[in-house]
Amino acid sequence: MIELPDAQATQTLGSHLGRALGQLDAGLVIALQGKLGVGKTALVRATLAALGHDGIVVSPTYTLLESYPLGRRRLHHLDLYRLATAEELEYVGLRDLAAGDDWFMIEWPAHGRGHLPAFDLTIELHYAGAARRARLHPYSQLGRTIVDTINI
C-alpha cells in the first residue's frame, strides 16, 4: 500500500512510474481502477511528464483514447467510463494499437472486459479520508519489474 497524502504524492507516484516505464524495452498494459475523482488521470499526467511529454494531457472521457508519442513508443491513455458496450473498442482501433510495443494506461478497464489486452499491472487508487492510497498488483514479469522499480 502506498500512502498518497496529497496531490504531490500522486504526482510523485506517476513520476516513479514514468521512470520505470522508460527503463523497459517492451510495451506494458496498466489498468487504473478507482472511483471518480480519485486521481487516475492525474497519475497518467505525471507518468507522461516523467516520460518527457511536455504538452497538455486531456482526459479521454469523451474520445475514449488519447495517444502520446514518446520517442519510439507511444502511451495510449484510455478512459472507458462512458463506453456503452465493450464492442465499441473496435471503433477506436484498439486491436491494431495493441499489436505494437506501446504502453497503455486504461481507466475503467471493467467496461472493456473481454476486448482489452492482458494487464501487466493494476493500480488501484482509493480515497482515505482527504488523502488517497494506491495498491499495485502485478500480473506479469514486466508488471513485477515495475512494482520492484518503484521506490516510494
N, C-alpha and C. Protein backbone atom coordinates (compact mmCIF):
# COMPACT_ATOMS: atom_id res chain seq x y z
N MET A 1 0.85 -1.17 0.00
CA MET A 1 0.00 0.00 0.00
C MET A 1 0.90 1.24 0.00
N ILE A 2 0.60 2.16 -0.87
CA ILE A 2 1.34 3.42 -0.96
C ILE A 2 0.42 4.53 -0.49
N GLU A 3 0.84 5.26 0.51
CA GLU A 3 0.06 6.38 1.02
C GLU A 3 0.27 7.59 0.11
N LEU A 4 -0.82 8.25 -0.25
CA LEU A 4 -0.76 9.45 -1.09
C LEU A 4 -1.48 10.57 -0.34
N PRO A 5 -0.79 11.25 0.56
CA PRO A 5 -1.45 12.23 1.41
C PRO A 5 -1.94 13.49 0.69
N ASP A 6 -1.38 13.76 -0.51
CA ASP A 6 -1.77 14.97 -1.23
C ASP A 6 -1.54 14.77 -2.73
N ALA A 7 -1.91 15.77 -3.51
CA ALA A 7 -1.76 15.69 -4.97
C ALA A 7 -0.30 15.52 -5.37
N GLN A 8 0.61 16.12 -4.63
CA GLN A 8 2.03 15.98 -4.93
C GLN A 8 2.48 14.53 -4.82
N ALA A 9 1.93 13.79 -3.87
CA ALA A 9 2.30 12.38 -3.71
C ALA A 9 1.82 11.55 -4.90
N THR A 10 0.64 11.87 -5.42
CA THR A 10 0.16 11.19 -6.63
C THR A 10 1.08 11.51 -7.80
N GLN A 11 1.50 12.76 -7.90
CA GLN A 11 2.43 13.15 -8.96
C GLN A 11 3.77 12.41 -8.80
N THR A 12 4.23 12.25 -7.58
CA THR A 12 5.48 11.52 -7.34
C THR A 12 5.34 10.07 -7.77
N LEU A 13 4.22 9.44 -7.45
CA LEU A 13 3.99 8.06 -7.89
C LEU A 13 4.02 7.99 -9.42
N GLY A 14 3.36 8.93 -10.09
CA GLY A 14 3.38 8.95 -11.55
C GLY A 14 4.78 9.16 -12.11
N SER A 15 5.56 10.00 -11.45
CA SER A 15 6.94 10.22 -11.89
C SER A 15 7.77 8.94 -11.77
N HIS A 16 7.62 8.25 -10.67
CA HIS A 16 8.33 6.98 -10.49
C HIS A 16 7.87 5.96 -11.53
N LEU A 17 6.57 5.93 -11.78
CA LEU A 17 6.03 5.01 -12.78
C LEU A 17 6.58 5.33 -14.16
N GLY A 18 6.63 6.61 -14.51
CA GLY A 18 7.17 7.01 -15.81
C GLY A 18 8.64 6.63 -15.97
N ARG A 19 9.42 6.86 -14.93
CA ARG A 19 10.84 6.48 -15.00
C ARG A 19 10.99 4.96 -15.13
N ALA A 20 10.16 4.21 -14.43
CA ALA A 20 10.22 2.75 -14.54
C ALA A 20 9.83 2.28 -15.93
N LEU A 21 8.80 2.89 -16.51
CA LEU A 21 8.40 2.53 -17.88
C LEU A 21 9.53 2.85 -18.86
N GLY A 22 10.16 3.98 -18.66
CA GLY A 22 11.23 4.40 -19.55
C GLY A 22 12.42 3.46 -19.56
N GLN A 23 12.56 2.64 -18.54
CA GLN A 23 13.66 1.67 -18.46
C GLN A 23 13.31 0.35 -19.14
N LEU A 24 12.05 0.18 -19.49
CA LEU A 24 11.61 -1.08 -20.12
C LEU A 24 11.92 -1.07 -21.61
N ASP A 25 12.18 -2.21 -22.13
CA ASP A 25 12.34 -2.36 -23.57
C ASP A 25 11.17 -3.17 -24.12
N ALA A 26 9.97 -2.86 -23.62
CA ALA A 26 8.78 -3.61 -24.02
C ALA A 26 7.55 -2.76 -23.75
N GLY A 27 6.46 -3.12 -24.38
CA GLY A 27 5.18 -2.49 -24.10
C GLY A 27 4.63 -3.01 -22.78
N LEU A 28 3.62 -2.33 -22.27
CA LEU A 28 3.06 -2.69 -20.98
C LEU A 28 1.62 -2.19 -20.92
N VAL A 29 0.74 -2.96 -20.28
CA VAL A 29 -0.66 -2.56 -20.13
C VAL A 29 -0.95 -2.40 -18.64
N ILE A 30 -1.38 -1.18 -18.28
CA ILE A 30 -1.70 -0.86 -16.89
C ILE A 30 -3.18 -0.53 -16.78
N ALA A 31 -3.88 -1.24 -15.92
CA ALA A 31 -5.28 -0.94 -15.63
C ALA A 31 -5.32 -0.01 -14.42
N LEU A 32 -6.09 1.06 -14.53
CA LEU A 32 -6.24 2.03 -13.44
C LEU A 32 -7.65 1.92 -12.89
N GLN A 33 -7.75 1.60 -11.62
CA GLN A 33 -9.07 1.42 -11.01
C GLN A 33 -9.24 2.39 -9.86
N GLY A 34 -10.46 2.86 -9.69
CA GLY A 34 -10.78 3.76 -8.60
C GLY A 34 -11.99 4.60 -8.94
N LYS A 35 -12.57 5.18 -7.93
CA LYS A 35 -13.77 6.00 -8.11
C LYS A 35 -13.47 7.29 -8.87
N LEU A 36 -14.53 7.95 -9.31
CA LEU A 36 -14.39 9.24 -9.97
C LEU A 36 -13.64 10.22 -9.08
N GLY A 37 -12.71 10.95 -9.67
CA GLY A 37 -12.00 11.99 -8.95
C GLY A 37 -10.88 11.53 -8.05
N VAL A 38 -10.55 10.25 -8.04
CA VAL A 38 -9.54 9.73 -7.12
C VAL A 38 -8.11 10.01 -7.60
N GLY A 39 -7.94 10.40 -8.87
CA GLY A 39 -6.61 10.78 -9.34
C GLY A 39 -6.04 9.92 -10.45
N LYS A 40 -6.87 9.18 -11.16
CA LYS A 40 -6.37 8.31 -12.24
C LYS A 40 -5.74 9.14 -13.36
N THR A 41 -6.43 10.15 -13.83
CA THR A 41 -5.89 10.98 -14.90
C THR A 41 -4.69 11.79 -14.42
N ALA A 42 -4.69 12.24 -13.17
CA ALA A 42 -3.53 12.95 -12.62
C ALA A 42 -2.31 12.03 -12.63
N LEU A 43 -2.52 10.76 -12.33
CA LEU A 43 -1.42 9.79 -12.36
C LEU A 43 -0.88 9.64 -13.78
N VAL A 44 -1.76 9.59 -14.76
CA VAL A 44 -1.34 9.49 -16.16
C VAL A 44 -0.56 10.73 -16.56
N ARG A 45 -1.04 11.92 -16.18
CA ARG A 45 -0.32 13.17 -16.49
C ARG A 45 1.10 13.15 -15.96
N ALA A 46 1.25 12.75 -14.71
CA ALA A 46 2.59 12.72 -14.10
C ALA A 46 3.47 11.67 -14.75
N THR A 47 2.89 10.55 -15.14
CA THR A 47 3.65 9.50 -15.82
C THR A 47 4.15 10.01 -17.17
N LEU A 48 3.27 10.66 -17.91
CA LEU A 48 3.66 11.22 -19.21
C LEU A 48 4.75 12.28 -19.05
N ALA A 49 4.62 13.13 -18.05
CA ALA A 49 5.64 14.17 -17.83
C ALA A 49 7.00 13.52 -17.55
N ALA A 50 7.01 12.46 -16.76
CA ALA A 50 8.28 11.78 -16.45
C ALA A 50 8.87 11.10 -17.68
N LEU A 51 8.02 10.77 -18.64
CA LEU A 51 8.48 10.15 -19.88
C LEU A 51 8.90 11.19 -20.92
N GLY A 52 8.80 12.48 -20.57
CA GLY A 52 9.26 13.54 -21.46
C GLY A 52 8.18 14.30 -22.21
N HIS A 53 6.92 13.98 -22.00
CA HIS A 53 5.84 14.71 -22.66
C HIS A 53 5.65 16.05 -21.96
N ASP A 54 5.70 17.14 -22.72
CA ASP A 54 5.55 18.45 -22.10
C ASP A 54 4.31 19.19 -22.58
N GLY A 55 3.43 18.50 -23.26
CA GLY A 55 2.20 19.11 -23.74
C GLY A 55 1.04 18.89 -22.79
N ILE A 56 -0.12 19.29 -23.24
CA ILE A 56 -1.34 19.13 -22.46
C ILE A 56 -1.76 17.67 -22.47
N VAL A 57 -2.26 17.20 -21.35
CA VAL A 57 -2.81 15.85 -21.24
C VAL A 57 -4.27 16.01 -20.86
N VAL A 58 -5.15 15.62 -21.77
CA VAL A 58 -6.58 15.74 -21.53
C VAL A 58 -7.15 14.37 -21.18
N SER A 59 -8.22 14.39 -20.42
CA SER A 59 -8.89 13.14 -20.10
C SER A 59 -9.65 12.67 -21.34
N PRO A 60 -9.47 11.42 -21.73
CA PRO A 60 -10.19 10.92 -22.90
C PRO A 60 -11.60 10.40 -22.58
N THR A 61 -12.27 11.07 -21.65
CA THR A 61 -13.60 10.63 -21.23
C THR A 61 -14.56 10.55 -22.42
N TYR A 62 -14.51 11.50 -23.33
CA TYR A 62 -15.44 11.51 -24.46
C TYR A 62 -14.84 10.91 -25.72
N THR A 63 -13.53 10.99 -25.88
CA THR A 63 -12.89 10.45 -27.08
C THR A 63 -12.49 8.98 -26.91
N LEU A 64 -12.51 8.48 -25.69
CA LEU A 64 -12.10 7.13 -25.29
C LEU A 64 -10.60 6.92 -25.32
N LEU A 65 -9.88 7.57 -26.24
CA LEU A 65 -8.46 7.29 -26.42
C LEU A 65 -7.70 8.57 -26.78
N GLU A 66 -6.59 8.78 -26.09
CA GLU A 66 -5.62 9.81 -26.45
C GLU A 66 -4.26 9.12 -26.51
N SER A 67 -3.53 9.36 -27.59
CA SER A 67 -2.21 8.74 -27.75
C SER A 67 -1.13 9.81 -27.74
N TYR A 68 -0.02 9.50 -27.09
CA TYR A 68 1.08 10.44 -26.92
C TYR A 68 2.36 9.80 -27.43
N PRO A 69 2.97 10.36 -28.49
CA PRO A 69 4.24 9.83 -28.98
C PRO A 69 5.37 10.17 -28.01
N LEU A 70 6.18 9.16 -27.73
CA LEU A 70 7.29 9.33 -26.78
C LEU A 70 8.51 8.62 -27.36
N GLY A 71 9.14 9.22 -28.31
CA GLY A 71 10.28 8.57 -28.97
C GLY A 71 9.79 7.43 -29.84
N ARG A 72 10.33 6.25 -29.63
CA ARG A 72 9.94 5.12 -30.47
C ARG A 72 8.69 4.40 -29.99
N ARG A 73 8.12 4.86 -28.89
CA ARG A 73 6.89 4.27 -28.35
C ARG A 73 5.84 5.36 -28.18
N ARG A 74 4.62 4.90 -27.96
CA ARG A 74 3.53 5.79 -27.61
C ARG A 74 2.89 5.29 -26.32
N LEU A 75 2.33 6.22 -25.58
CA LEU A 75 1.50 5.85 -24.45
C LEU A 75 0.07 6.15 -24.85
N HIS A 76 -0.78 5.13 -24.77
CA HIS A 76 -2.19 5.26 -25.10
C HIS A 76 -2.97 5.33 -23.80
N HIS A 77 -3.68 6.42 -23.61
CA HIS A 77 -4.49 6.64 -22.43
C HIS A 77 -5.94 6.44 -22.81
N LEU A 78 -6.56 5.44 -22.22
CA LEU A 78 -7.97 5.15 -22.48
C LEU A 78 -8.79 5.42 -21.24
N ASP A 79 -9.96 6.00 -21.43
CA ASP A 79 -10.93 6.18 -20.35
C ASP A 79 -12.23 5.57 -20.85
N LEU A 80 -12.59 4.43 -20.28
CA LEU A 80 -13.74 3.67 -20.78
C LEU A 80 -15.01 3.91 -19.97
N TYR A 81 -15.03 4.96 -19.15
CA TYR A 81 -16.17 5.23 -18.28
C TYR A 81 -17.47 5.34 -19.06
N ARG A 82 -17.46 6.01 -20.20
CA ARG A 82 -18.68 6.26 -20.97
C ARG A 82 -18.93 5.21 -22.05
N LEU A 83 -18.16 4.17 -22.05
CA LEU A 83 -18.32 3.11 -23.06
C LEU A 83 -19.67 2.42 -22.84
N ALA A 84 -20.50 2.38 -23.87
CA ALA A 84 -21.81 1.73 -23.76
C ALA A 84 -21.65 0.21 -23.79
N THR A 85 -20.82 -0.28 -24.71
CA THR A 85 -20.54 -1.72 -24.79
C THR A 85 -19.05 -1.89 -25.09
N ALA A 86 -18.49 -2.99 -24.63
CA ALA A 86 -17.06 -3.24 -24.86
C ALA A 86 -16.74 -3.35 -26.34
N GLU A 87 -17.72 -3.73 -27.15
CA GLU A 87 -17.50 -3.86 -28.59
C GLU A 87 -17.14 -2.52 -29.24
N GLU A 88 -17.48 -1.41 -28.60
CA GLU A 88 -17.15 -0.09 -29.14
C GLU A 88 -15.64 0.10 -29.27
N LEU A 89 -14.87 -0.68 -28.55
CA LEU A 89 -13.41 -0.56 -28.64
C LEU A 89 -12.90 -0.90 -30.04
N GLU A 90 -13.67 -1.64 -30.80
CA GLU A 90 -13.28 -1.93 -32.19
C GLU A 90 -13.22 -0.65 -33.02
N TYR A 91 -14.04 0.33 -32.69
CA TYR A 91 -14.09 1.58 -33.46
C TYR A 91 -12.88 2.47 -33.22
N VAL A 92 -12.19 2.30 -32.11
CA VAL A 92 -11.02 3.13 -31.84
C VAL A 92 -9.74 2.46 -32.32
N GLY A 93 -9.84 1.26 -32.88
CA GLY A 93 -8.68 0.57 -33.43
C GLY A 93 -7.76 -0.02 -32.38
N LEU A 94 -8.34 -0.39 -31.25
CA LEU A 94 -7.52 -0.91 -30.15
C LEU A 94 -6.74 -2.16 -30.55
N ARG A 95 -7.34 -3.01 -31.33
CA ARG A 95 -6.65 -4.24 -31.74
C ARG A 95 -5.36 -3.93 -32.48
N ASP A 96 -5.39 -2.94 -33.38
CA ASP A 96 -4.19 -2.55 -34.12
C ASP A 96 -3.15 -1.93 -33.21
N LEU A 97 -3.60 -1.09 -32.27
CA LEU A 97 -2.67 -0.46 -31.34
C LEU A 97 -2.01 -1.49 -30.43
N ALA A 98 -2.79 -2.46 -29.98
CA ALA A 98 -2.27 -3.47 -29.05
C ALA A 98 -1.29 -4.43 -29.71
N ALA A 99 -1.27 -4.45 -31.04
CA ALA A 99 -0.35 -5.34 -31.76
C ALA A 99 1.07 -4.80 -31.71
N GLY A 100 1.24 -3.54 -31.31
CA GLY A 100 2.57 -2.93 -31.25
C GLY A 100 3.23 -3.14 -29.90
N ASP A 101 4.22 -2.31 -29.65
CA ASP A 101 5.01 -2.42 -28.43
C ASP A 101 4.84 -1.16 -27.58
N ASP A 102 3.64 -0.61 -27.56
CA ASP A 102 3.37 0.63 -26.87
C ASP A 102 2.94 0.37 -25.43
N TRP A 103 2.79 1.46 -24.69
CA TRP A 103 2.29 1.41 -23.32
C TRP A 103 0.83 1.82 -23.32
N PHE A 104 0.06 1.22 -22.42
CA PHE A 104 -1.36 1.54 -22.25
C PHE A 104 -1.64 1.82 -20.79
N MET A 105 -2.41 2.88 -20.54
CA MET A 105 -2.94 3.15 -19.21
C MET A 105 -4.45 3.28 -19.41
N ILE A 106 -5.20 2.38 -18.78
CA ILE A 106 -6.62 2.24 -19.07
C ILE A 106 -7.45 2.50 -17.82
N GLU A 107 -8.22 3.58 -17.85
CA GLU A 107 -9.15 3.88 -16.77
C GLU A 107 -10.47 3.14 -17.02
N TRP A 108 -11.10 2.69 -15.96
CA TRP A 108 -12.36 1.95 -16.01
C TRP A 108 -12.25 0.70 -16.89
N PRO A 109 -11.24 -0.12 -16.65
CA PRO A 109 -11.00 -1.28 -17.52
C PRO A 109 -12.13 -2.31 -17.51
N ALA A 110 -12.91 -2.38 -16.46
CA ALA A 110 -14.01 -3.35 -16.42
C ALA A 110 -15.02 -3.10 -17.53
N HIS A 111 -15.12 -1.86 -18.01
CA HIS A 111 -16.07 -1.53 -19.09
C HIS A 111 -15.63 -2.10 -20.43
N GLY A 112 -14.37 -2.52 -20.53
CA GLY A 112 -13.86 -3.09 -21.78
C GLY A 112 -13.58 -4.58 -21.67
N ARG A 113 -14.07 -5.19 -20.62
CA ARG A 113 -13.80 -6.60 -20.35
C ARG A 113 -14.01 -7.47 -21.59
N GLY A 114 -13.03 -8.31 -21.86
CA GLY A 114 -13.10 -9.22 -22.99
C GLY A 114 -12.56 -8.64 -24.30
N HIS A 115 -12.28 -7.34 -24.31
CA HIS A 115 -11.81 -6.68 -25.53
C HIS A 115 -10.51 -5.91 -25.31
N LEU A 116 -9.88 -6.12 -24.18
CA LEU A 116 -8.64 -5.42 -23.85
C LEU A 116 -7.48 -6.40 -23.85
N PRO A 117 -6.28 -5.90 -24.12
CA PRO A 117 -5.11 -6.78 -23.97
C PRO A 117 -4.93 -7.16 -22.51
N ALA A 118 -4.22 -8.23 -22.26
CA ALA A 118 -3.97 -8.69 -20.89
C ALA A 118 -3.21 -7.62 -20.10
N PHE A 119 -3.59 -7.44 -18.85
CA PHE A 119 -2.95 -6.45 -17.99
C PHE A 119 -1.63 -7.00 -17.46
N ASP A 120 -0.63 -6.14 -17.43
CA ASP A 120 0.63 -6.45 -16.76
C ASP A 120 0.61 -5.96 -15.32
N LEU A 121 -0.19 -4.91 -15.09
CA LEU A 121 -0.21 -4.27 -13.78
C LEU A 121 -1.56 -3.60 -13.59
N THR A 122 -2.09 -3.69 -12.38
CA THR A 122 -3.27 -2.91 -12.00
C THR A 122 -2.85 -1.98 -10.88
N ILE A 123 -3.27 -0.72 -11.01
CA ILE A 123 -3.07 0.25 -9.95
C ILE A 123 -4.45 0.66 -9.45
N GLU A 124 -4.72 0.34 -8.20
CA GLU A 124 -5.98 0.70 -7.57
C GLU A 124 -5.75 1.96 -6.74
N LEU A 125 -6.55 2.98 -6.97
CA LEU A 125 -6.49 4.20 -6.18
C LEU A 125 -7.75 4.28 -5.33
N HIS A 126 -7.58 4.56 -4.05
CA HIS A 126 -8.69 4.61 -3.11
C HIS A 126 -8.65 5.91 -2.32
N TYR A 127 -9.83 6.39 -1.95
CA TYR A 127 -9.91 7.51 -1.01
C TYR A 127 -9.55 6.99 0.38
N ALA A 128 -8.84 7.81 1.13
CA ALA A 128 -8.52 7.52 2.53
C ALA A 128 -8.72 8.83 3.30
N GLY A 129 -9.96 9.16 3.59
CA GLY A 129 -10.27 10.46 4.15
C GLY A 129 -10.00 11.52 3.10
N ALA A 130 -9.21 12.54 3.44
CA ALA A 130 -8.85 13.58 2.48
C ALA A 130 -7.67 13.16 1.61
N ALA A 131 -7.05 12.05 1.95
CA ALA A 131 -5.88 11.55 1.21
C ALA A 131 -6.30 10.42 0.27
N ARG A 132 -5.31 9.79 -0.32
CA ARG A 132 -5.53 8.65 -1.21
C ARG A 132 -4.54 7.54 -0.84
N ARG A 133 -4.84 6.36 -1.33
CA ARG A 133 -3.93 5.22 -1.20
C ARG A 133 -3.87 4.52 -2.55
N ALA A 134 -2.73 3.94 -2.83
CA ALA A 134 -2.56 3.18 -4.08
C ALA A 134 -2.09 1.76 -3.75
N ARG A 135 -2.62 0.81 -4.48
CA ARG A 135 -2.16 -0.59 -4.42
C ARG A 135 -1.76 -0.98 -5.83
N LEU A 136 -0.62 -1.62 -5.94
CA LEU A 136 -0.13 -2.08 -7.23
C LEU A 136 -0.15 -3.60 -7.24
N HIS A 137 -0.78 -4.17 -8.26
CA HIS A 137 -0.90 -5.61 -8.41
C HIS A 137 -0.28 -6.03 -9.74
N PRO A 138 0.88 -6.68 -9.73
CA PRO A 138 1.48 -7.14 -10.99
C PRO A 138 0.85 -8.46 -11.44
N TYR A 139 0.71 -8.62 -12.75
CA TYR A 139 0.16 -9.85 -13.33
C TYR A 139 1.11 -10.50 -14.31
N SER A 140 2.28 -9.91 -14.49
CA SER A 140 3.29 -10.46 -15.40
C SER A 140 4.66 -10.12 -14.84
N GLN A 141 5.69 -10.67 -15.46
CA GLN A 141 7.04 -10.35 -15.04
C GLN A 141 7.34 -8.87 -15.26
N LEU A 142 6.83 -8.30 -16.36
CA LEU A 142 7.03 -6.87 -16.60
C LEU A 142 6.34 -6.04 -15.51
N GLY A 143 5.14 -6.45 -15.13
CA GLY A 143 4.44 -5.76 -14.05
C GLY A 143 5.21 -5.85 -12.75
N ARG A 144 5.77 -7.01 -12.46
CA ARG A 144 6.58 -7.20 -11.25
C ARG A 144 7.81 -6.30 -11.30
N THR A 145 8.42 -6.18 -12.48
CA THR A 145 9.59 -5.31 -12.64
C THR A 145 9.23 -3.86 -12.30
N ILE A 146 8.08 -3.41 -12.78
CA ILE A 146 7.65 -2.04 -12.49
C ILE A 146 7.46 -1.86 -10.98
N VAL A 147 6.75 -2.79 -10.36
CA VAL A 147 6.49 -2.68 -8.91
C VAL A 147 7.80 -2.67 -8.14
N ASP A 148 8.74 -3.53 -8.53
CA ASP A 148 10.03 -3.60 -7.83
C ASP A 148 10.87 -2.34 -8.05
N THR A 149 10.67 -1.66 -9.17
CA THR A 149 11.45 -0.48 -9.51
C THR A 149 10.94 0.77 -8.79
N ILE A 150 9.64 0.82 -8.52
CA ILE A 150 9.06 1.99 -7.88
C ILE A 150 9.43 1.97 -6.40
N ASN A 151 10.14 3.00 -5.98
CA ASN A 151 10.59 3.10 -4.59
C ASN A 151 9.95 4.31 -3.92
N ILE A 152 8.80 4.07 -3.36
CA ILE A 152 8.12 5.17 -2.63
C ILE A 152 7.86 4.68 -1.22
